[in-house]
N, C-alpha and C. Protein backbone atom coordinates (compact mmCIF):
# COMPACT_ATOMS: atom_id res chain seq x y z
N MET A 1 10.17 -84.48 90.03
CA MET A 1 9.80 -83.61 88.86
C MET A 1 9.15 -82.37 89.42
N ILE A 2 9.58 -81.19 89.01
CA ILE A 2 8.97 -79.95 89.49
C ILE A 2 8.94 -78.95 88.33
N ILE A 3 8.01 -78.10 88.44
CA ILE A 3 7.88 -76.90 87.61
C ILE A 3 8.29 -75.75 88.47
N ARG A 4 9.19 -74.87 87.98
CA ARG A 4 9.66 -73.73 88.74
C ARG A 4 9.92 -72.64 87.82
N PRO A 5 9.92 -71.35 88.42
CA PRO A 5 10.35 -70.23 87.54
C PRO A 5 11.79 -70.40 87.09
N ALA A 6 12.06 -70.02 85.82
CA ALA A 6 13.29 -70.15 85.27
C ALA A 6 14.34 -69.14 85.90
N LYS A 7 15.56 -69.54 85.91
CA LYS A 7 16.68 -68.71 86.43
C LYS A 7 17.62 -68.28 85.22
N VAL A 8 18.34 -67.32 85.41
CA VAL A 8 19.29 -66.88 84.33
C VAL A 8 20.24 -68.07 84.01
N THR A 9 20.55 -68.89 85.01
CA THR A 9 21.50 -70.01 84.81
C THR A 9 20.84 -71.09 83.94
N ASP A 10 19.54 -71.06 83.72
CA ASP A 10 18.77 -72.03 82.91
C ASP A 10 18.85 -71.61 81.39
N THR A 11 19.20 -70.49 81.09
CA THR A 11 19.10 -70.00 79.76
C THR A 11 19.71 -70.85 78.64
N LYS A 12 20.87 -71.37 78.85
CA LYS A 12 21.50 -72.19 77.85
C LYS A 12 20.71 -73.44 77.57
N GLU A 13 20.13 -74.07 78.61
CA GLU A 13 19.33 -75.28 78.44
C GLU A 13 18.03 -74.97 77.76
N ILE A 14 17.42 -73.82 78.13
CA ILE A 14 16.18 -73.44 77.49
C ILE A 14 16.48 -73.25 75.96
N HIS A 15 17.54 -72.50 75.69
CA HIS A 15 17.85 -72.23 74.30
C HIS A 15 18.10 -73.57 73.53
N LYS A 16 18.74 -74.53 74.14
CA LYS A 16 19.00 -75.79 73.43
C LYS A 16 17.66 -76.53 73.16
N ILE A 17 16.70 -76.51 74.11
CA ILE A 17 15.44 -77.16 73.90
C ILE A 17 14.69 -76.39 72.75
N ILE A 18 14.67 -75.15 72.74
CA ILE A 18 13.97 -74.36 71.79
C ILE A 18 14.56 -74.58 70.38
N GLU A 19 15.92 -74.59 70.36
CA GLU A 19 16.59 -74.67 69.04
C GLU A 19 16.25 -75.95 68.31
N TYR A 20 16.01 -77.03 69.01
CA TYR A 20 15.50 -78.25 68.37
C TYR A 20 14.28 -78.02 67.50
N TYR A 21 13.32 -77.29 68.05
CA TYR A 21 12.10 -76.95 67.37
C TYR A 21 12.32 -75.90 66.27
N VAL A 22 13.21 -74.99 66.49
CA VAL A 22 13.58 -74.00 65.52
C VAL A 22 14.17 -74.68 64.27
N ASN A 23 15.05 -75.61 64.53
CA ASN A 23 15.77 -76.31 63.45
C ASN A 23 14.80 -77.22 62.60
N ASN A 24 13.73 -77.56 63.21
CA ASN A 24 12.65 -78.31 62.54
C ASN A 24 11.53 -77.41 62.05
N LYS A 25 11.79 -76.07 62.03
CA LYS A 25 10.86 -75.11 61.55
C LYS A 25 9.42 -75.18 62.21
N ARG A 26 9.47 -75.44 63.51
CA ARG A 26 8.30 -75.54 64.27
C ARG A 26 8.12 -74.49 65.40
N MET A 27 9.18 -73.55 65.48
CA MET A 27 9.10 -72.58 66.52
C MET A 27 9.97 -71.34 66.09
N LEU A 28 9.67 -70.23 66.65
CA LEU A 28 10.46 -69.00 66.34
C LEU A 28 11.68 -69.05 67.10
N ARG A 29 12.79 -68.63 66.47
CA ARG A 29 14.16 -68.54 67.10
C ARG A 29 14.12 -67.55 68.24
N ARG A 30 14.79 -67.87 69.34
CA ARG A 30 14.97 -66.99 70.43
C ARG A 30 16.49 -66.83 70.63
N SER A 31 17.00 -65.60 70.49
CA SER A 31 18.40 -65.32 70.76
C SER A 31 18.73 -65.41 72.27
N PHE A 32 19.91 -65.60 72.58
CA PHE A 32 20.28 -65.66 74.01
C PHE A 32 19.95 -64.34 74.61
N SER A 33 20.11 -63.22 73.90
CA SER A 33 19.81 -61.92 74.44
C SER A 33 18.31 -61.80 74.80
N THR A 34 17.48 -62.33 73.85
CA THR A 34 15.99 -62.23 74.11
C THR A 34 15.67 -63.11 75.28
N LEU A 35 16.24 -64.33 75.37
CA LEU A 35 15.95 -65.25 76.49
C LEU A 35 16.30 -64.62 77.78
N TYR A 36 17.53 -63.97 77.85
CA TYR A 36 17.91 -63.40 79.14
C TYR A 36 16.95 -62.23 79.48
N GLU A 37 16.52 -61.43 78.49
CA GLU A 37 15.62 -60.33 78.72
C GLU A 37 14.24 -60.81 79.21
N ASP A 38 13.85 -61.94 78.72
CA ASP A 38 12.48 -62.53 79.02
C ASP A 38 12.44 -63.66 79.96
N ILE A 39 13.58 -63.91 80.69
CA ILE A 39 13.71 -65.03 81.53
C ILE A 39 12.65 -65.05 82.60
N GLN A 40 12.16 -63.90 83.08
CA GLN A 40 11.12 -63.87 84.14
C GLN A 40 9.82 -64.36 83.67
N GLU A 41 9.57 -64.48 82.31
CA GLU A 41 8.34 -65.00 81.80
C GLU A 41 8.35 -66.58 81.73
N PHE A 42 9.48 -67.16 81.88
CA PHE A 42 9.61 -68.63 81.67
C PHE A 42 9.49 -69.45 82.92
N VAL A 43 8.95 -70.59 82.70
CA VAL A 43 9.02 -71.70 83.73
C VAL A 43 9.73 -72.85 83.05
N VAL A 44 10.32 -73.69 83.86
CA VAL A 44 10.96 -74.86 83.38
C VAL A 44 10.40 -76.11 84.19
N PHE A 45 10.48 -77.25 83.52
CA PHE A 45 10.10 -78.46 84.09
C PHE A 45 11.42 -79.25 84.30
N GLU A 46 11.68 -79.52 85.56
CA GLU A 46 12.95 -80.15 85.94
C GLU A 46 12.69 -81.64 86.36
N ASN A 47 13.50 -82.53 85.91
CA ASN A 47 13.43 -83.93 86.29
C ASN A 47 14.89 -84.34 86.73
N ARG A 48 15.00 -84.64 88.03
CA ARG A 48 16.28 -85.01 88.57
C ARG A 48 17.44 -84.07 88.20
N GLY A 49 17.07 -82.77 88.30
CA GLY A 49 18.11 -81.75 88.12
C GLY A 49 18.30 -81.37 86.64
N LYS A 50 17.61 -82.06 85.71
CA LYS A 50 17.75 -81.76 84.27
C LYS A 50 16.53 -81.02 83.79
N ILE A 51 16.67 -79.97 83.06
CA ILE A 51 15.57 -79.23 82.44
C ILE A 51 15.11 -79.98 81.22
N ILE A 52 13.87 -80.46 81.22
CA ILE A 52 13.36 -81.27 80.15
C ILE A 52 12.28 -80.47 79.32
N ALA A 53 11.85 -79.37 79.76
CA ALA A 53 10.79 -78.56 79.11
C ALA A 53 10.75 -77.12 79.64
N CYS A 54 10.16 -76.30 78.77
CA CYS A 54 10.05 -74.88 79.14
C CYS A 54 8.83 -74.30 78.49
N GLY A 55 8.43 -73.14 78.98
CA GLY A 55 7.33 -72.41 78.40
C GLY A 55 7.33 -70.97 79.02
N ALA A 56 6.70 -70.07 78.27
CA ALA A 56 6.70 -68.65 78.74
C ALA A 56 5.30 -68.07 78.68
N LEU A 57 5.07 -67.15 79.57
CA LEU A 57 3.79 -66.37 79.58
C LEU A 57 4.14 -64.86 79.29
N HIS A 58 3.70 -64.37 78.18
CA HIS A 58 3.96 -63.00 77.87
C HIS A 58 2.67 -62.19 77.83
N VAL A 59 2.64 -61.23 78.82
CA VAL A 59 1.46 -60.42 78.96
C VAL A 59 1.44 -59.37 77.83
N LEU A 60 0.32 -59.21 77.12
CA LEU A 60 0.26 -58.25 76.07
C LEU A 60 -0.61 -57.08 76.43
N TRP A 61 -1.63 -57.27 77.23
CA TRP A 61 -2.55 -56.22 77.60
C TRP A 61 -3.16 -56.61 78.89
N GLU A 62 -4.03 -55.75 79.44
CA GLU A 62 -4.60 -56.00 80.73
C GLU A 62 -5.43 -57.35 80.80
N ASP A 63 -5.94 -57.79 79.68
CA ASP A 63 -6.76 -58.96 79.75
C ASP A 63 -6.34 -60.11 78.77
N LEU A 64 -5.05 -60.03 78.30
CA LEU A 64 -4.59 -60.96 77.33
C LEU A 64 -3.12 -61.28 77.43
N ALA A 65 -2.81 -62.61 77.43
CA ALA A 65 -1.38 -63.01 77.49
C ALA A 65 -1.22 -64.15 76.52
N GLU A 66 0.02 -64.31 76.07
CA GLU A 66 0.35 -65.30 75.09
C GLU A 66 1.20 -66.38 75.85
N ILE A 67 0.89 -67.65 75.55
CA ILE A 67 1.74 -68.72 76.02
C ILE A 67 2.67 -68.98 74.85
N LYS A 68 3.95 -68.90 75.05
CA LYS A 68 4.90 -69.17 73.90
C LYS A 68 6.13 -69.94 74.32
N SER A 69 6.86 -70.29 73.37
CA SER A 69 8.11 -71.08 73.57
C SER A 69 7.86 -72.33 74.34
N LEU A 70 6.71 -72.96 74.18
CA LEU A 70 6.44 -74.23 74.90
C LEU A 70 7.22 -75.34 74.14
N ALA A 71 8.16 -76.01 74.85
CA ALA A 71 8.99 -77.02 74.23
C ALA A 71 9.29 -78.10 75.23
N VAL A 72 9.19 -79.36 74.77
CA VAL A 72 9.49 -80.54 75.62
C VAL A 72 10.45 -81.36 74.83
N LEU A 73 11.53 -81.80 75.56
CA LEU A 73 12.42 -82.75 74.96
C LEU A 73 11.70 -83.99 74.45
N ASP A 74 12.17 -84.43 73.30
CA ASP A 74 11.53 -85.58 72.63
C ASP A 74 11.21 -86.75 73.52
N GLU A 75 12.22 -87.17 74.33
CA GLU A 75 12.03 -88.37 75.13
C GLU A 75 11.03 -88.14 76.29
N TYR A 76 10.53 -87.01 76.49
CA TYR A 76 9.60 -86.71 77.52
C TYR A 76 8.23 -86.30 76.98
N GLN A 77 8.02 -86.36 75.69
CA GLN A 77 6.73 -86.05 75.09
C GLN A 77 5.71 -87.14 75.35
N ARG A 78 4.45 -86.80 75.28
CA ARG A 78 3.31 -87.68 75.55
C ARG A 78 3.36 -88.31 76.96
N GLN A 79 3.84 -87.52 77.89
CA GLN A 79 3.90 -87.95 79.27
C GLN A 79 3.23 -86.94 80.20
N GLY A 80 2.55 -85.94 79.57
CA GLY A 80 1.83 -84.94 80.36
C GLY A 80 2.72 -83.70 80.75
N VAL A 81 3.91 -83.69 80.33
CA VAL A 81 4.80 -82.61 80.67
C VAL A 81 4.34 -81.22 80.05
N GLY A 82 4.01 -81.24 78.76
CA GLY A 82 3.55 -80.05 78.12
C GLY A 82 2.22 -79.54 78.79
N ARG A 83 1.34 -80.45 79.10
CA ARG A 83 0.10 -80.11 79.73
C ARG A 83 0.36 -79.43 81.12
N LYS A 84 1.29 -79.92 81.86
CA LYS A 84 1.61 -79.39 83.18
C LYS A 84 2.25 -77.95 83.04
N ILE A 85 3.06 -77.76 82.02
CA ILE A 85 3.63 -76.51 81.83
C ILE A 85 2.51 -75.46 81.49
N VAL A 86 1.64 -75.87 80.58
CA VAL A 86 0.56 -74.97 80.18
C VAL A 86 -0.38 -74.62 81.35
N THR A 87 -0.70 -75.61 82.16
CA THR A 87 -1.47 -75.38 83.34
C THR A 87 -0.79 -74.46 84.31
N SER A 88 0.48 -74.57 84.48
CA SER A 88 1.28 -73.65 85.34
C SER A 88 1.20 -72.25 84.79
N LEU A 89 1.39 -72.14 83.52
CA LEU A 89 1.35 -70.75 82.87
C LEU A 89 0.01 -70.14 82.98
N GLN A 90 -1.13 -70.96 82.82
CA GLN A 90 -2.42 -70.49 82.98
C GLN A 90 -2.60 -69.98 84.40
N GLU A 91 -2.12 -70.69 85.38
CA GLU A 91 -2.26 -70.26 86.83
C GLU A 91 -1.50 -68.92 86.97
N ASN A 92 -0.30 -68.80 86.34
CA ASN A 92 0.42 -67.50 86.46
C ASN A 92 -0.41 -66.41 85.94
N ALA A 93 -1.09 -66.66 84.74
CA ALA A 93 -1.83 -65.62 84.09
C ALA A 93 -3.05 -65.20 85.05
N LYS A 94 -3.71 -66.17 85.62
CA LYS A 94 -4.84 -65.92 86.56
C LYS A 94 -4.33 -65.07 87.77
N ASN A 95 -3.13 -65.47 88.32
CA ASN A 95 -2.62 -64.77 89.45
C ASN A 95 -2.30 -63.30 89.09
N LEU A 96 -1.96 -63.05 87.84
CA LEU A 96 -1.67 -61.66 87.40
C LEU A 96 -2.98 -60.85 87.00
N GLY A 97 -4.06 -61.59 87.03
CA GLY A 97 -5.35 -60.94 86.68
C GLY A 97 -5.71 -61.01 85.19
N VAL A 98 -5.00 -61.80 84.49
CA VAL A 98 -5.25 -61.88 83.01
C VAL A 98 -6.44 -62.84 82.82
N ASN A 99 -7.39 -62.42 81.93
CA ASN A 99 -8.61 -63.19 81.72
C ASN A 99 -8.60 -64.16 80.53
N LYS A 100 -7.59 -64.00 79.64
CA LYS A 100 -7.60 -64.77 78.44
C LYS A 100 -6.16 -65.02 78.04
N VAL A 101 -5.86 -66.29 77.60
CA VAL A 101 -4.55 -66.62 77.04
C VAL A 101 -4.79 -67.12 75.60
N PHE A 102 -3.72 -66.90 74.76
CA PHE A 102 -3.74 -67.49 73.45
C PHE A 102 -2.40 -68.09 73.12
N VAL A 103 -2.45 -68.89 72.05
CA VAL A 103 -1.18 -69.48 71.52
C VAL A 103 -1.23 -69.38 70.00
N LEU A 104 -0.11 -69.35 69.41
CA LEU A 104 0.03 -69.54 67.97
C LEU A 104 0.88 -70.84 67.85
N SER A 105 0.28 -71.85 67.25
CA SER A 105 0.89 -73.18 67.31
C SER A 105 0.72 -73.97 65.97
N PHE A 106 1.68 -74.79 65.70
CA PHE A 106 1.48 -75.75 64.60
C PHE A 106 0.70 -76.96 65.07
N ASP A 107 0.71 -77.19 66.41
CA ASP A 107 0.07 -78.34 66.96
C ASP A 107 -1.24 -77.94 67.69
N SER A 108 -2.27 -77.65 66.91
CA SER A 108 -3.51 -77.19 67.44
C SER A 108 -4.23 -78.27 68.16
N GLU A 109 -4.00 -79.49 67.81
CA GLU A 109 -4.68 -80.66 68.50
C GLU A 109 -4.36 -80.70 69.98
N PHE A 110 -3.06 -80.45 70.31
CA PHE A 110 -2.66 -80.46 71.65
C PHE A 110 -3.44 -79.44 72.48
N PHE A 111 -3.52 -78.24 71.97
CA PHE A 111 -4.21 -77.19 72.77
C PHE A 111 -5.74 -77.35 72.75
N VAL A 112 -6.31 -77.94 71.62
CA VAL A 112 -7.69 -78.19 71.64
C VAL A 112 -8.06 -79.13 72.77
N LYS A 113 -7.27 -80.21 73.00
CA LYS A 113 -7.43 -81.15 74.11
C LYS A 113 -7.40 -80.47 75.43
N LEU A 114 -6.75 -79.28 75.53
CA LEU A 114 -6.69 -78.60 76.77
C LEU A 114 -7.79 -77.56 76.92
N GLY A 115 -8.71 -77.51 75.95
CA GLY A 115 -9.89 -76.64 76.04
C GLY A 115 -9.77 -75.36 75.20
N TYR A 116 -8.69 -75.17 74.49
CA TYR A 116 -8.54 -73.98 73.61
C TYR A 116 -9.40 -74.05 72.43
N LYS A 117 -9.80 -72.97 72.00
CA LYS A 117 -10.69 -72.89 70.76
C LYS A 117 -9.94 -72.13 69.66
N LYS A 118 -10.10 -72.61 68.44
CA LYS A 118 -9.43 -71.92 67.34
C LYS A 118 -10.07 -70.55 67.15
N ILE A 119 -9.25 -69.55 66.81
CA ILE A 119 -9.72 -68.23 66.57
C ILE A 119 -8.92 -67.70 65.30
N ARG A 120 -9.48 -66.65 64.76
CA ARG A 120 -8.85 -66.02 63.59
C ARG A 120 -7.65 -65.20 64.12
N LYS A 121 -6.48 -65.33 63.52
CA LYS A 121 -5.34 -64.58 63.86
C LYS A 121 -5.65 -63.09 63.75
N GLU A 122 -6.43 -62.71 62.78
CA GLU A 122 -6.77 -61.32 62.54
C GLU A 122 -7.47 -60.70 63.79
N ASP A 123 -8.10 -61.53 64.59
CA ASP A 123 -8.80 -61.06 65.77
C ASP A 123 -7.93 -60.70 66.96
N LEU A 124 -6.61 -61.05 66.83
CA LEU A 124 -5.69 -60.77 67.91
C LEU A 124 -5.19 -59.34 67.70
N PRO A 125 -4.72 -58.74 68.80
CA PRO A 125 -4.19 -57.34 68.73
C PRO A 125 -2.96 -57.28 67.78
N LEU A 126 -2.72 -56.16 67.23
CA LEU A 126 -1.60 -55.95 66.29
C LEU A 126 -0.25 -56.16 67.03
N LYS A 127 -0.28 -56.06 68.39
CA LYS A 127 0.99 -56.17 69.10
C LYS A 127 1.69 -57.56 68.92
N ILE A 128 0.84 -58.55 68.63
CA ILE A 128 1.43 -59.92 68.45
C ILE A 128 2.21 -60.01 67.19
N TRP A 129 2.03 -59.16 66.29
CA TRP A 129 2.67 -59.32 64.93
C TRP A 129 4.10 -58.78 64.97
N ARG A 130 4.55 -58.16 66.07
CA ARG A 130 5.91 -57.60 66.08
C ARG A 130 6.92 -58.70 66.02
N GLU A 131 6.70 -59.87 66.55
CA GLU A 131 7.61 -61.00 66.43
C GLU A 131 7.38 -61.70 65.09
N CYS A 132 6.19 -61.76 64.62
CA CYS A 132 5.94 -62.48 63.34
C CYS A 132 6.71 -61.87 62.16
N ILE A 133 6.77 -60.59 62.19
CA ILE A 133 7.41 -59.85 61.03
C ILE A 133 8.84 -60.31 60.86
N ASP A 134 9.58 -60.55 61.91
CA ASP A 134 10.93 -61.02 61.85
C ASP A 134 11.16 -62.52 61.63
N CYS A 135 10.02 -63.30 61.63
CA CYS A 135 10.12 -64.73 61.58
C CYS A 135 10.41 -65.21 60.13
N HIS A 136 11.19 -66.23 60.03
CA HIS A 136 11.54 -66.82 58.71
C HIS A 136 10.23 -67.47 58.10
N LEU A 137 9.31 -67.72 58.83
CA LEU A 137 8.08 -68.36 58.34
C LEU A 137 6.92 -67.37 58.06
N PHE A 138 7.20 -66.10 58.14
CA PHE A 138 6.13 -65.08 58.10
C PHE A 138 5.21 -65.23 56.89
N GLN A 139 5.81 -65.29 55.71
CA GLN A 139 4.94 -65.36 54.54
C GLN A 139 4.14 -66.65 54.39
N GLY A 140 4.68 -67.73 54.84
CA GLY A 140 3.98 -69.06 54.76
C GLY A 140 3.76 -69.67 56.06
N CYS A 141 3.44 -68.93 57.04
CA CYS A 141 3.24 -69.43 58.41
C CYS A 141 1.99 -70.36 58.48
N GLY A 142 2.18 -71.53 59.00
CA GLY A 142 1.09 -72.48 59.18
C GLY A 142 0.54 -72.52 60.57
N LYS A 143 0.96 -71.52 61.38
CA LYS A 143 0.54 -71.56 62.75
C LYS A 143 -0.93 -71.26 62.84
N ILE A 144 -1.63 -71.83 63.84
CA ILE A 144 -2.98 -71.65 64.09
C ILE A 144 -3.16 -70.90 65.41
N ALA A 145 -4.02 -69.95 65.45
CA ALA A 145 -4.31 -69.20 66.71
C ALA A 145 -5.37 -69.95 67.43
N LEU A 146 -5.20 -70.06 68.75
CA LEU A 146 -6.15 -70.68 69.67
C LEU A 146 -6.18 -69.84 70.92
N ALA A 147 -7.31 -69.82 71.59
CA ALA A 147 -7.44 -68.99 72.73
C ALA A 147 -8.29 -69.71 73.81
N LEU A 148 -8.08 -69.36 75.06
CA LEU A 148 -8.78 -69.95 76.24
C LEU A 148 -9.17 -68.85 77.15
N SER A 149 -10.43 -68.79 77.56
CA SER A 149 -10.88 -67.93 78.62
C SER A 149 -10.55 -68.47 80.01
N LEU A 150 -9.96 -67.70 80.80
CA LEU A 150 -9.65 -68.15 82.17
C LEU A 150 -10.73 -67.83 83.22
N ILE A 151 -11.82 -67.21 82.72
CA ILE A 151 -12.91 -66.85 83.60
C ILE A 151 -13.93 -68.00 83.48
N ALA A 152 -14.36 -68.43 84.69
CA ALA A 152 -15.39 -69.48 84.75
C ALA A 152 -16.66 -68.98 84.05
N GLU A 153 -17.20 -69.74 83.15
CA GLU A 153 -18.35 -69.26 82.36
C GLU A 153 -19.63 -69.99 82.85
């Protein structure tokens, strides 16, 4: 089992994993075009040559990045896969010099266990709303904003 940067050849598998959550209204849809454009932001978790999870780190500003599109195949949930992806993305953020990461999630409990703190969505920069406006859940979004400082306090 390894976590590695995604390749363009992984796009169809990433799309399939994300679509499961989209169809259950738990994640924002990502078109193939968007996935190809953003493939450098993604990491995948591979088990015996099969992609079982993915996640992306999107830098928004000099000190802020979003972890998004975190998705794990059902049969691999509750095995630490999601935690490992998040840890990998946090390391990527640190390596880029980003001091803080945030998520918008329906599953706040998962991120709280990883040390994230709930914050007000309104406290995030307006740049994050560009995707929200096109989302089918925009008016009734139940996502919770959480953030984590990457600086030792």
